[in-house]
Amino acid sequence: MKAILFCSALALVACKKGSSASSCTDAINKGVDTMMAAGAKRMEGAPAEMKAKMEETAVKLKGVMTNRCTEDKWSADVVDCYAKAQKRTDLRDCRSKLPADQQQKLQTEETQVMMGAGFGGMRPHGQMMGSGAMGSGPAAAAPVVPAATGSAVAPAPATGSAK
């Protein structure tokens, strides 16, 4: 009887600490797989290499999301959101439920995967780079591509009365 109570108490403490690796994995796999299945119709005429690249990228994105979910201990609400996601915009909406610092970490890692896969013109979950209207909050304001060094444009004159 004491063992059962101990195990129940242990499970309760584990639930309060955040998401488990298995709940994260299950939810994210389900959401991303559902999104990919919906996108498969749009990819019907695409070359096999592109389809393979998309599938490979999806696997890497699942890994990034699952890692962030587990390490950052996402709330049950966010994990459930990923499990119910049907399309890219749903995944973006799920990410927006995270605290700003967690959104930033996740988006940064997702962007690295997308850039590494050669999808440099896209942000994760269908946001086009350079399009501030697509995203919002601190994660959308973060630079995705490092600024080039040097400039052909002269700096703006300083304002104020520092003479």
Foldseek 3Di string as FASTA:
>chain_A
DVVVVVVVVVVVVVLVQADALVLLLQLQCQLLVLAVVVCVVVCVPPDPVVNVLVVVLSVQLSVLRSVLRHVVRDHPVLSNQSNPHRHLVSPLVSLVVDPQVSSQSSQLSSLVSCVVSVVNQAGGSGHGPPDLVVDDDPNSPDHNDDDDPDDPDDDDDDDDPDD
